[in-house]
Amino acid sequence: MTDFAWPLQSNRIRRDMLNHTFGMVRNGGSRPHQGWDLTAAPMTSCYAIADGEIAFTNDQGDYGKVVVLKFDTSRETLWAAYCHLTFWVVKERDRVSRGDLLGYTGNSGNARSMIGEDQHLHFEIRTVDRPGRGLTGRIDPKDLYGHVPIGWAIFEAVGDKTAPRGVGLKVRGVNVRG
C-alpha cells in the first residue's frame, strides 16, 4: 500500500481526535491543522520515512526544533517535517536512508507546556520546503499512507527498511505490522 516508513515506532493520532489530523479540523472546521499530531513522549526516536536528504533543521517559532527531510516519490519531490523536537542528530545536506534516526521528540515551540497524553510529534508532508501559514504547500499524510492512525496505532520495527505491506494485524486500540 505504501513505500514509506512511519516516522515513529508507535504511530497514533493524539487522543484519537480528529482535530489532531490534517485539514480544516480545528475550531469547528474554521481553523486549519497542517499535519498529524502523533502521540509521543519526549525523547521518542523519529525516523526517516524514505531515502532522501535533510533539507534543513531549524529552531524557532511555533514548530520549535524541526527537521525537514526532502524525498522523491514516483511522481514528485516532497518534504517531511518533524516538529517540536528535543534535538536532532542530522544536519543540512546529510543523505539518509529510510528508517535512519533523525532526532528525538520533545516539547519545543508551541508544544512547550504540553504534558502527558498531549505530548506529540507534529508531522507534516509538504509540497514545498518552507510553506507559509494555512494548508497551502502541504498535503494530508493520508495521501502517502492510505489511512489515518486514529482509534488504533501502527507499530513499526526500528530500522525496518523494507516496504510495508497492508495495515498488518488489527487489534482493538493497536495495529501490529510484521
Foldseek 3Di string as FASTA:
>chain_A
DFLWDAFFQKWAAQVLDPLQFAALRPPNSNFTDQHHWTFDEWFGWTWGGAWFFFQAWDADAQQGTKTWTWDDDPVAIKIKIKGQHPDFDDGGGDTDGGLDTTGTHHQGHNSVPDDDSRGTIGMWIFRDRDDDDDHPRTDGCCVRVVDHRRQEIEGDDRSPNGGFDPQADDDGRYHYGD
